[in-house]
Amino acid sequence: MADLKNKRIITVALTGAWPKKENNPNVPMTPAEISEDIYDCWQAGAAVAHMHMRDDNGNGTMDVNKFRETVELLRKNHPDCDIVLNMTTSGDLNATEETRQIHLKELRPEMGSYDCGSMNWMNSGLFINSPKFLEELGKNMQEWGVKPEIEAFDPGMIANAAYYLKKGVLKAPLHFQFCMGCANGIVGNTKNLVFMKETMESLCPGSTWSCFGVGHSAMEIMYAGIAMGGHIRVGMEDNVMYAKGQLAESNRQFVERAKRAIEEFGCQVATPDEAREILSIQK
């Protein structure tokens, strides 16, 4: 691990559940578009692809067949691509506890998201992650060999993770994704990122972490995360604008900027296999 101290993992969050073509025509929506985008971002330096799926109307879906088609296209067309696949367990507010997990059971990705608490979502709905669901999901992920990415939208979710770690629902070492600047979550700024990191280190020592900022907080959180020794997430799930008044041309554009920032800071971009070692994932 000492040799990997200077490495930074780039995760690309390709599409999420919200932005559509009218928000940015370059957002990938179909399995074919998403699979090609994953490959393109891998070539640019991304080690992890955080995957959401869209239905035929462009809305977020947990349809296992969409996930399967995307993976099959990626493996068929680009067998050399060794990127770590990280499949969401959220993004469809109408999904059931079963449909939020079935793709993990059937496809066995190396990683999956684990949203460690409930919250009001975007001032418009409820994002429910009940204790019953989190216990079931954590135990299933252990059984299925899927590494949880613990998405923490506020410090309370870090405390939840510590509780589930103690209870055996989660297994150390944990990996956190600090989700900064989301409506009704913690505000995205450097002071709050320091607080999230210190909270994690206090409650869950030995954990790894990554971070992203939504919208106008994206750049600050990216640079602060690199400087503080964390890993970073970029992509159109979190921001369809590359700069103020400038739509992103592609997810690759975000990855290339992240790679430049990491290297200019004096660090190196982790390969997928290095990311697996850092995150304690068995290939």
C-alpha atoms as a PDB file:
ATOM      1  CA  MET A   1       0.000   0.000   0.000  1.00  0.00           C
ATOM      2  CA  ALA A   2       2.951   2.336   0.609  1.00  0.00           C
ATOM      3  CA  ASP A   3       3.679   2.322  -3.113  1.00  0.00           C
ATOM      4  CA  LEU A   4       0.086   3.420  -3.751  1.00  0.00           C
ATOM      5  CA  LYS A   5       0.074   6.391  -1.366  1.00  0.00           C
ATOM      6  CA  ASN A   6       0.619   8.815  -4.226  1.00  0.00           C
ATOM      7  CA  LYS A   7      -2.117   7.294  -6.387  1.00  0.00           C
ATOM      8  CA  ARG A   8      -5.550   8.862  -6.857  1.00  0.00           C
ATOM      9  CA  ILE A   9      -8.553   6.946  -8.192  1.00  0.00           C
ATOM     10  CA  ILE A  10     -10.799   8.666 -10.723  1.00  0.00           C
ATOM     11  CA  THR A  11     -14.398   7.465 -10.670  1.00  0.00           C
ATOM     12  CA  VAL A  12     -16.601   8.594 -13.538  1.00  0.00           C
ATOM     13  CA  ALA A  13     -20.336   8.928 -12.827  1.00  0.00           C
ATOM     14  CA  LEU A  14     -21.662   8.804 -16.341  1.00  0.00           C
ATOM     15  CA  THR A  15     -25.355   9.631 -16.337  1.00  0.00           C
ATOM     16  CA  GLY A  16     -27.133   9.378 -12.994  1.00  0.00           C
ATOM     17  CA  ALA A  17     -30.924   9.446 -12.939  1.00  0.00           C
ATOM     18  CA  TRP A  18     -31.627  13.068 -13.676  1.00  0.00           C
ATOM     19  CA  PRO A  19     -29.960  14.909 -16.581  1.00  0.00           C
ATOM     20  CA  LYS A  20     -31.532  14.336 -19.979  1.00  0.00           C
ATOM     21  CA  LYS A  21     -30.625  15.238 -23.528  1.00  0.00           C
ATOM     22  CA  GLU A  22     -32.429  18.565 -23.193  1.00  0.00           C
ATOM     23  CA  ASN A  23     -30.097  19.449 -20.300  1.00  0.00           C
ATOM     24  CA  ASN A  24     -27.038  18.365 -22.250  1.00  0.00           C
ATOM     25  CA  PRO A  25     -27.247  16.463 -25.557  1.00  0.00           C
ATOM     26  CA  ASN A  26     -24.008  14.648 -24.685  1.00  0.00           C
ATOM     27  CA  VAL A  27     -25.426  12.758 -21.686  1.00  0.00           C
ATOM     28  CA  PRO A  28     -25.261   8.995 -22.427  1.00  0.00           C
ATOM     29  CA  MET A  29     -28.662   7.346 -22.037  1.00  0.00           C
ATOM     30  CA  THR A  30     -28.848   3.968 -23.777  1.00  0.00           C
ATOM     31  CA  PRO A  31     -26.840   0.837 -22.957  1.00  0.00           C
ATOM     32  CA  ALA A  32     -24.889   1.325 -26.193  1.00  0.00           C
ATOM     33  CA  GLU A  33     -24.064   4.956 -25.357  1.00  0.00           C
ATOM     34  CA  ILE A  34     -23.167   4.155 -21.747  1.00  0.00           C
ATOM     35  CA  SER A  35     -20.940   1.200 -22.636  1.00  0.00           C
ATOM     36  CA  GLU A  36     -19.004   3.255 -25.191  1.00  0.00           C
ATOM     37  CA  ASP A  37     -18.700   6.107 -22.711  1.00  0.00           C
ATOM     38  CA  ILE A  38     -17.277   3.758 -20.078  1.00  0.00           C
ATOM     39  CA  TYR A  39     -14.622   2.607 -22.528  1.00  0.00           C
ATOM     40  CA  ASP A  40     -13.803   6.169 -23.590  1.00  0.00           C
ATOM     41  CA  CYS A  41     -13.394   7.287 -19.965  1.00  0.00           C
ATOM     42  CA  TRP A  42     -11.263   4.229 -19.155  1.00  0.00           C
ATOM     43  CA  GLN A  43      -8.931   5.160 -21.982  1.00  0.00           C
ATOM     44  CA  ALA A  44      -8.682   8.665 -20.505  1.00  0.00           C
ATOM     45  CA  GLY A  45      -7.751   7.426 -17.018  1.00  0.00           C
ATOM     46  CA  ALA A  46     -10.901   6.480 -15.105  1.00  0.00           C
ATOM     47  CA  ALA A  47     -10.432   3.388 -12.928  1.00  0.00           C
ATOM     48  CA  VAL A  48     -14.047   3.072 -11.743  1.00  0.00           C
ATOM     49  CA  ALA A  49     -17.326   3.560 -13.613  1.00  0.00           C
ATOM     50  CA  HIS A  50     -20.364   4.401 -11.475  1.00  0.00           C
ATOM     51  CA  MET A  51     -23.338   3.091 -13.439  1.00  0.00           C
ATOM     52  CA  HIS A  52     -26.975   4.201 -13.588  1.00  0.00           C
ATOM     53  CA  MET A  53     -29.459   3.055 -16.198  1.00  0.00           C
ATOM     54  CA  ARG A  54     -32.258   4.858 -18.029  1.00  0.00           C
ATOM     55  CA  ASP A  55     -35.539   3.490 -19.350  1.00  0.00           C
ATOM     56  CA  ASP A  56     -36.758   4.104 -22.892  1.00  0.00           C
ATOM     57  CA  ASN A  57     -38.176   7.485 -21.810  1.00  0.00           C
ATOM     58  CA  GLY A  58     -34.868   8.582 -20.327  1.00  0.00           C
ATOM     59  CA  ASN A  59     -35.895   8.162 -16.692  1.00  0.00           C
ATOM     60  CA  GLY A  60     -33.814   6.409 -14.044  1.00  0.00           C
ATOM     61  CA  THR A  61     -34.496   2.683 -13.809  1.00  0.00           C
ATOM     62  CA  MET A  62     -33.216  -0.333 -11.903  1.00  0.00           C
ATOM     63  CA  ASP A  63     -34.034  -2.658 -14.819  1.00  0.00           C
ATOM     64  CA  VAL A  64     -31.575  -5.539 -14.565  1.00  0.00           C
ATOM     65  CA  ASN A  65     -31.792  -6.093 -18.317  1.00  0.00           C
ATOM     66  CA  LYS A  66     -30.456  -2.584 -19.003  1.00  0.00           C
ATOM     67  CA  PHE A  67     -27.499  -3.233 -16.711  1.00  0.00           C
ATOM     68  CA  ARG A  68     -26.906  -6.629 -18.313  1.00  0.00           C
ATOM     69  CA  GLU A  69     -27.047  -5.249 -21.856  1.00  0.00           C
ATOM     70  CA  THR A  70     -24.579  -2.494 -20.997  1.00  0.00           C
ATOM     71  CA  VAL A  71     -22.075  -4.922 -19.461  1.00  0.00           C
ATOM     72  CA  GLU A  72     -22.424  -7.378 -22.331  1.00  0.00           C
ATOM     73  CA  LEU A  73     -21.826  -4.641 -24.919  1.00  0.00           C
ATOM     74  CA  LEU A  74     -18.774  -3.397 -23.028  1.00  0.00           C
ATOM     75  CA  ARG A  75     -17.250  -6.857 -22.765  1.00  0.00           C
ATOM     76  CA  LYS A  76     -18.078  -7.807 -26.347  1.00  0.00           C
ATOM     77  CA  ASN A  77     -16.830  -4.617 -27.999  1.00  0.00           C
ATOM     78  CA  HIS A  78     -13.955  -3.819 -25.634  1.00  0.00           C
ATOM     79  CA  PRO A  79     -12.619  -7.007 -24.007  1.00  0.00           C
ATOM     80  CA  ASP A  80      -9.438  -5.171 -23.008  1.00  0.00           C
ATOM     81  CA  CYS A  81     -11.306  -2.752 -20.751  1.00  0.00           C
ATOM     82  CA  ASP A  82     -10.569  -3.718 -17.135  1.00  0.00           C
ATOM     83  CA  ILE A  83     -12.357  -0.799 -15.461  1.00  0.00           C
ATOM     84  CA  VAL A  84     -14.044  -1.487 -12.106  1.00  0.00           C
ATOM     85  CA  LEU A  85     -17.826  -1.492 -12.541  1.00  0.00           C
ATOM     86  CA  ASN A  86     -19.737   0.132  -9.679  1.00  0.00           C
ATOM     87  CA  MET A  87     -23.500  -0.296 -10.044  1.00  0.00           C
ATOM     88  CA  THR A  88     -25.949   1.961  -8.292  1.00  0.00           C
ATOM     89  CA  THR A  89     -28.674   0.702  -5.979  1.00  0.00           C
ATOM     90  CA  SER A  90     -30.651   3.930  -6.302  1.00  0.00           C
ATOM     91  CA  GLY A  91     -31.859   6.330  -8.972  1.00  0.00           C
ATOM     92  CA  ASP A  92     -35.436   5.126  -9.288  1.00  0.00           C
ATOM     93  CA  LEU A  93     -37.672   6.424  -6.508  1.00  0.00           C
ATOM     94  CA  ASN A  94     -40.336   3.883  -7.520  1.00  0.00           C
ATOM     95  CA  ALA A  95     -38.022   0.894  -7.192  1.00  0.00           C
ATOM     96  CA  THR A  96     -38.639  -1.791  -4.582  1.00  0.00           C
ATOM     97  CA  GLU A  97     -36.074  -3.128  -2.146  1.00  0.00           C
ATOM     98  CA  GLU A  98     -35.832  -6.216  -4.366  1.00  0.00           C
ATOM     99  CA  THR A  99     -35.328  -4.387  -7.683  1.00  0.00           C
ATOM    100  CA  ARG A 100     -32.652  -2.218  -6.078  1.00  0.00           C
ATOM    101  CA  GLN A 101     -30.563  -5.358  -5.527  1.00  0.00           C
ATOM    102  CA  ILE A 102     -31.394  -7.912  -8.210  1.00  0.00           C
ATOM    103  CA  HIS A 103     -28.772  -6.646 -10.671  1.00  0.00           C
ATOM    104  CA  LEU A 104     -26.094  -7.029  -7.989  1.00  0.00           C
ATOM    105  CA  LYS A 105     -27.178 -10.608  -7.371  1.00  0.00           C
ATOM    106  CA  GLU A 106     -27.315 -11.568 -11.046  1.00  0.00           C
ATOM    107  CA  LEU A 107     -24.369  -9.607 -12.463  1.00  0.00           C
ATOM    108  CA  ARG A 108     -21.999  -9.533  -9.448  1.00  0.00           C
ATOM    109  CA  PRO A 109     -20.212  -6.229 -10.173  1.00  0.00           C
ATOM    110  CA  GLU A 110     -17.072  -5.532  -8.196  1.00  0.00           C
ATOM    111  CA  MET A 111     -18.709  -2.556  -6.459  1.00  0.00           C
ATOM    112  CA  GLY A 112     -22.179  -1.235  -5.691  1.00  0.00           C
ATOM    113  CA  SER A 113     -23.486   1.894  -4.020  1.00  0.00           C
ATOM    114  CA  TYR A 114     -24.659   1.762  -0.396  1.00  0.00           C
ATOM    115  CA  ASP A 115     -26.546   4.949   0.538  1.00  0.00           C
ATOM    116  CA  CYS A 116     -26.194   4.902   4.292  1.00  0.00           C
ATOM    117  CA  GLY A 117     -29.323   6.787   5.383  1.00  0.00           C
ATOM    118  CA  SER A 118     -32.557   8.426   4.284  1.00  0.00           C
ATOM    119  CA  MET A 119     -33.072  12.044   3.285  1.00  0.00           C
ATOM    120  CA  ASN A 120     -35.364  14.519   1.559  1.00  0.00           C
ATOM    121  CA  TRP A 121     -34.266  14.448  -2.072  1.00  0.00           C
ATOM    122  CA  MET A 122     -33.931  17.615  -4.158  1.00  0.00           C
ATOM    123  CA  ASN A 123     -36.774  19.271  -2.231  1.00  0.00           C
ATOM    124  CA  SER A 124     -39.216  17.099  -4.144  1.00  0.00           C
ATOM    125  CA  GLY A 125     -39.301  13.579  -2.715  1.00  0.00           C
ATOM    126  CA  LEU A 126     -38.041  11.076  -0.183  1.00  0.00           C
ATOM    127  CA  PHE A 127     -34.938   8.967  -0.634  1.00  0.00           C
ATOM    128  CA  ILE A 128     -35.614   6.059   1.703  1.00  0.00           C
ATOM    129  CA  ASN A 129     -32.899   3.729   2.944  1.00  0.00           C
ATOM    130  CA  SER A 130     -34.493   2.066   5.935  1.00  0.00           C
ATOM    131  CA  PRO A 131     -32.508   0.186   8.584  1.00  0.00           C
ATOM    132  CA  LYS A 132     -34.111  -3.056   7.390  1.00  0.00           C
ATOM    133  CA  PHE A 133     -33.032  -2.415   3.796  1.00  0.00           C
ATOM    134  CA  LEU A 134     -29.503  -1.387   4.752  1.00  0.00           C
ATOM    135  CA  GLU A 135     -29.001  -4.497   6.864  1.00  0.00           C
ATOM    136  CA  GLU A 136     -30.292  -6.720   4.085  1.00  0.00           C
ATOM    137  CA  LEU A 137     -28.236  -4.953   1.406  1.00  0.00           C
ATOM    138  CA  GLY A 138     -25.041  -5.044   3.455  1.00  0.00           C
ATOM    139  CA  LYS A 139     -25.324  -8.759   4.173  1.00  0.00           C
ATOM    140  CA  ASN A 140     -26.221  -9.525   0.550  1.00  0.00           C
ATOM    141  CA  MET A 141     -23.270  -7.545  -0.757  1.00  0.00           C
ATOM    142  CA  GLN A 142     -20.953  -9.579   1.449  1.00  0.00           C
ATOM    143  CA  GLU A 143     -22.510 -12.821   0.183  1.00  0.00           C
ATOM    144  CA  TRP A 144     -22.347 -11.733  -3.468  1.00  0.00           C
ATOM    145  CA  GLY A 145     -18.794 -10.396  -3.279  1.00  0.00           C
ATOM    146  CA  VAL A 146     -19.750  -6.804  -4.069  1.00  0.00           C
ATOM    147  CA  LYS A 147     -17.694  -4.046  -2.402  1.00  0.00           C
ATOM    148  CA  PRO A 148     -19.998  -1.361  -0.936  1.00  0.00           C
ATOM    149  CA  GLU A 149     -19.294   2.230  -1.846  1.00  0.00           C
ATOM    150  CA  ILE A 150     -20.796   3.994   1.152  1.00  0.00           C
ATOM    151  CA  GLU A 151     -22.378   7.165  -0.154  1.00  0.00           C
ATOM    152  CA  ALA A 152     -22.549   9.707   2.669  1.00  0.00           C
ATOM    153  CA  PHE A 153     -24.573  12.868   2.085  1.00  0.00           C
ATOM    154  CA  ASP A 154     -24.054  14.105   5.652  1.00  0.00           C
ATOM    155  CA  PRO A 155     -22.009  13.115   8.729  1.00  0.00           C
ATOM    156  CA  GLY A 156     -24.895  11.125  10.191  1.00  0.00           C
ATOM    157  CA  MET A 157     -24.523   8.617   7.380  1.00  0.00           C
ATOM    158  CA  ILE A 158     -20.908   8.044   8.419  1.00  0.00           C
ATOM    159  CA  ALA A 159     -22.150   7.285  11.936  1.00  0.00           C
ATOM    160  CA  ASN A 160     -24.673   4.847  10.443  1.00  0.00           C
ATOM    161  CA  ALA A 161     -21.850   3.089   8.619  1.00  0.00           C
ATOM    162  CA  ALA A 162     -19.887   2.800  11.874  1.00  0.00           C
ATOM    163  CA  TYR A 163     -22.929   1.187  13.502  1.00  0.00           C
ATOM    164  CA  TYR A 164     -23.356  -1.335  10.685  1.00  0.00           C
ATOM    165  CA  LEU A 165     -19.633  -2.081  10.747  1.00  0.00           C
ATOM    166  CA  LYS A 166     -19.823  -2.871  14.460  1.00  0.00           C
ATOM    167  CA  LYS A 167     -22.887  -5.019  13.845  1.00  0.00           C
ATOM    168  CA  GLY A 168     -21.208  -6.997  11.057  1.00  0.00           C
ATOM    169  CA  VAL A 169     -23.507  -5.752   8.299  1.00  0.00           C
ATOM    170  CA  LEU A 170     -20.506  -4.005   6.729  1.00  0.00           C
ATOM    171  CA  LYS A 171     -16.967  -5.339   6.661  1.00  0.00           C
ATOM    172  CA  ALA A 172     -13.740  -3.355   7.036  1.00  0.00           C
ATOM    173  CA  PRO A 173     -11.990  -1.713   5.343  1.00  0.00           C
ATOM    174  CA  LEU A 174     -14.847   0.568   4.339  1.00  0.00           C
ATOM    175  CA  HIS A 175     -14.828   2.867   1.338  1.00  0.00           C
ATOM    176  CA  PHE A 176     -16.778   6.137   1.471  1.00  0.00           C
ATOM    177  CA  GLN A 177     -17.996   8.466  -1.252  1.00  0.00           C
ATOM    178  CA  PHE A 178     -18.564  11.929   0.235  1.00  0.00           C
ATOM    179  CA  CYS A 179     -21.473  13.429  -1.720  1.00  0.00           C
ATOM    180  CA  MET A 180     -21.109  17.196  -1.357  1.00  0.00           C
ATOM    181  CA  GLY A 181     -23.447  19.968  -2.401  1.00  0.00           C
ATOM    182  CA  CYS A 182     -26.590  17.898  -3.035  1.00  0.00           C
ATOM    183  CA  ALA A 183     -29.849  19.624  -2.099  1.00  0.00           C
ATOM    184  CA  ASN A 184     -30.705  18.731   1.534  1.00  0.00           C
ATOM    185  CA  GLY A 185     -27.257  17.218   2.068  1.00  0.00           C
ATOM    186  CA  ILE A 186     -24.081  18.793   3.431  1.00  0.00           C
ATOM    187  CA  VAL A 187     -22.948  21.966   1.641  1.00  0.00           C
ATOM    188  CA  GLY A 188     -20.067  21.420  -0.757  1.00  0.00           C
ATOM    189  CA  ASN A 189     -17.034  23.342   0.474  1.00  0.00           C
ATOM    190  CA  THR A 190     -13.544  22.545   1.734  1.00  0.00           C
ATOM    191  CA  LYS A 191     -14.377  23.157   5.403  1.00  0.00           C
ATOM    192  CA  ASN A 192     -17.170  20.598   5.266  1.00  0.00           C
ATOM    193  CA  LEU A 193     -15.015  18.102   3.374  1.00  0.00           C
ATOM    194  CA  VAL A 194     -12.402  18.317   6.145  1.00  0.00           C
ATOM    195  CA  PHE A 195     -15.195  17.694   8.672  1.00  0.00           C
ATOM    196  CA  MET A 196     -16.466  14.647   6.754  1.00  0.00           C
ATOM    197  CA  LYS A 197     -12.954  13.203   6.510  1.00  0.00           C
ATOM    198  CA  GLU A 198     -12.238  13.768  10.198  1.00  0.00           C
ATOM    199  CA  THR A 199     -15.591  12.241  11.160  1.00  0.00           C
ATOM    200  CA  MET A 200     -14.803   9.157   9.072  1.00  0.00           C
ATOM    201  CA  GLU A 201     -11.321   8.836  10.576  1.00  0.00           C
ATOM    202  CA  SER A 202     -12.764   9.066  14.087  1.00  0.00           C
ATOM    203  CA  LEU A 203     -15.621   6.611  13.606  1.00  0.00           C
ATOM    204  CA  CYS A 204     -14.245   4.274  10.934  1.00  0.00           C
ATOM    205  CA  PRO A 205     -10.420   4.365  11.097  1.00  0.00           C
ATOM    206  CA  GLY A 206      -8.607   2.672   8.239  1.00  0.00           C
ATOM    207  CA  SER A 207     -11.269   3.542   5.675  1.00  0.00           C
ATOM    208  CA  THR A 208     -10.623   4.923   2.203  1.00  0.00           C
ATOM    209  CA  TRP A 209     -12.597   7.786   0.719  1.00  0.00           C
ATOM    210  CA  SER A 210     -13.521   9.635  -2.433  1.00  0.00           C
ATOM    211  CA  CYS A 211     -15.532  12.801  -2.986  1.00  0.00           C
ATOM    212  CA  PHE A 212     -17.442  14.865  -5.486  1.00  0.00           C
ATOM    213  CA  GLY A 213     -19.184  18.225  -5.534  1.00  0.00           C
ATOM    214  CA  VAL A 214     -22.415  18.946  -7.361  1.00  0.00           C
ATOM    215  CA  GLY A 215     -22.752  21.974  -9.627  1.00  0.00           C
ATOM    216  CA  HIS A 216     -20.767  25.031  -8.593  1.00  0.00           C
ATOM    217  CA  SER A 217     -18.972  23.119  -5.808  1.00  0.00           C
ATOM    218  CA  ALA A 218     -17.475  20.555  -8.216  1.00  0.00           C
ATOM    219  CA  MET A 219     -14.118  22.238  -8.784  1.00  0.00           C
ATOM    220  CA  GLU A 220     -13.463  23.160  -5.165  1.00  0.00           C
ATOM    221  CA  ILE A 221     -14.229  19.653  -3.942  1.00  0.00           C
ATOM    222  CA  MET A 222     -12.138  18.044  -6.684  1.00  0.00           C
ATOM    223  CA  TYR A 223      -9.054  20.118  -5.886  1.00  0.00           C
ATOM    224  CA  ALA A 224      -9.535  19.821  -2.121  1.00  0.00           C
ATOM    225  CA  GLY A 225     -10.017  16.064  -2.343  1.00  0.00           C
ATOM    226  CA  ILE A 226      -6.792  15.614  -4.288  1.00  0.00           C
ATOM    227  CA  ALA A 227      -4.867  17.825  -1.857  1.00  0.00           C
ATOM    228  CA  MET A 228      -6.270  16.021   1.186  1.00  0.00           C
ATOM    229  CA  GLY A 229      -5.218  12.598  -0.044  1.00  0.00           C
ATOM    230  CA  GLY A 230      -8.606  11.373  -1.229  1.00  0.00           C
ATOM    231  CA  HIS A 231      -9.892  10.006  -4.483  1.00  0.00           C
ATOM    232  CA  ILE A 232     -12.303  11.869  -6.750  1.00  0.00           C
ATOM    233  CA  ARG A 233     -15.464  11.397  -8.761  1.00  0.00           C
ATOM    234  CA  VAL A 234     -16.399  13.408 -11.835  1.00  0.00           C
ATOM    235  CA  GLY A 235     -19.010  13.170 -14.560  1.00  0.00           C
ATOM    236  CA  MET A 236     -22.367  14.264 -15.874  1.00  0.00           C
ATOM    237  CA  GLU A 237     -24.335  12.635 -13.088  1.00  0.00           C
ATOM    238  CA  ASP A 238     -23.071  15.454 -10.898  1.00  0.00           C
ATOM    239  CA  ASN A 239     -22.616  18.308 -13.347  1.00  0.00           C
ATOM    240  CA  VAL A 240     -23.614  18.776 -16.997  1.00  0.00           C
ATOM    241  CA  MET A 241     -21.585  22.014 -17.201  1.00  0.00           C
ATOM    242  CA  TYR A 242     -17.836  21.882 -17.801  1.00  0.00           C
ATOM    243  CA  ALA A 243     -17.476  25.546 -16.860  1.00  0.00           C
ATOM    244  CA  LYS A 244     -19.828  28.458 -16.279  1.00  0.00           C
ATOM    245  CA  GLY A 245     -21.910  28.852 -19.405  1.00  0.00           C
ATOM    246  CA  GLN A 246     -20.200  25.905 -21.119  1.00  0.00           C
ATOM    247  CA  LEU A 247     -21.881  22.528 -21.502  1.00  0.00           C
ATOM    248  CA  ALA A 248     -19.643  19.504 -21.094  1.00  0.00           C
ATOM    249  CA  GLU A 249     -18.725  17.885 -24.393  1.00  0.00           C
ATOM    250  CA  SER A 250     -18.329  14.435 -22.862  1.00  0.00           C
ATOM    251  CA  ASN A 251     -17.591  12.581 -19.658  1.00  0.00           C
ATOM    252  CA  ARG A 252     -14.097  12.036 -21.014  1.00  0.00           C
ATOM    253  CA  GLN A 253     -13.584  15.808 -20.825  1.00  0.00           C
ATOM    254  CA  PHE A 254     -14.166  15.676 -17.058  1.00  0.00           C
ATOM    255  CA  VAL A 255     -11.825  12.691 -16.660  1.00  0.00           C
ATOM    256  CA  GLU A 256      -9.063  14.382 -18.637  1.00  0.00           C
ATOM    257  CA  ARG A 257      -9.293  17.496 -16.449  1.00  0.00           C
ATOM    258  CA  ALA A 258      -9.210  15.376 -13.290  1.00  0.00           C
ATOM    259  CA  LYS A 259      -6.136  13.544 -14.582  1.00  0.00           C
ATOM    260  CA  ARG A 260      -4.370  16.860 -15.276  1.00  0.00           C
ATOM    261  CA  ALA A 261      -5.207  18.153 -11.805  1.00  0.00           C
ATOM    262  CA  ILE A 262      -3.913  14.994 -10.137  1.00  0.00           C
ATOM    263  CA  GLU A 263      -0.669  15.012 -12.098  1.00  0.00           C
ATOM    264  CA  GLU A 264      -0.072  18.732 -11.679  1.00  0.00           C
ATOM    265  CA  PHE A 265      -0.435  18.274  -7.930  1.00  0.00           C
ATOM    266  CA  GLY A 266       2.403  15.758  -8.111  1.00  0.00           C
ATOM    267  CA  CYS A 267       0.335  12.595  -7.796  1.00  0.00           C
ATOM    268  CA  GLN A 268      -0.437   9.795 -10.233  1.00  0.00           C
ATOM    269  CA  VAL A 269      -3.695   8.409 -11.584  1.00  0.00           C
ATOM    270  CA  ALA A 270      -4.452   4.908 -10.326  1.00  0.00           C
ATOM    271  CA  THR A 271      -5.015   2.138 -12.824  1.00  0.00           C
ATOM    272  CA  PRO A 272      -8.009  -0.186 -12.315  1.00  0.00           C
ATOM    273  CA  ASP A 273      -5.802  -2.865 -10.753  1.00  0.00           C
ATOM    274  CA  GLU A 274      -4.204  -0.301  -8.449  1.00  0.00           C
ATOM    275  CA  ALA A 275      -7.712   0.870  -7.506  1.00  0.00           C
ATOM    276  CA  ARG A 276      -8.617  -2.719  -6.653  1.00  0.00           C
ATOM    277  CA  GLU A 277      -5.608  -2.948  -4.355  1.00  0.00           C
ATOM    278  CA  ILE A 278      -6.338   0.396  -2.708  1.00  0.00           C
ATOM    279  CA  LEU A 279     -10.003  -0.544  -2.165  1.00  0.00           C
ATOM    280  CA  SER A 280      -9.287  -4.149  -1.124  1.00  0.00           C
ATOM    281  CA  ILE A 281     -11.261  -5.619  -4.027  1.00  0.00           C
ATOM    282  CA  GLN A 282     -10.472  -9.158  -5.092  1.00  0.00           C
ATOM    283  CA  LYS A 283     -10.431  -9.339  -8.902  1.00  0.00           C
END
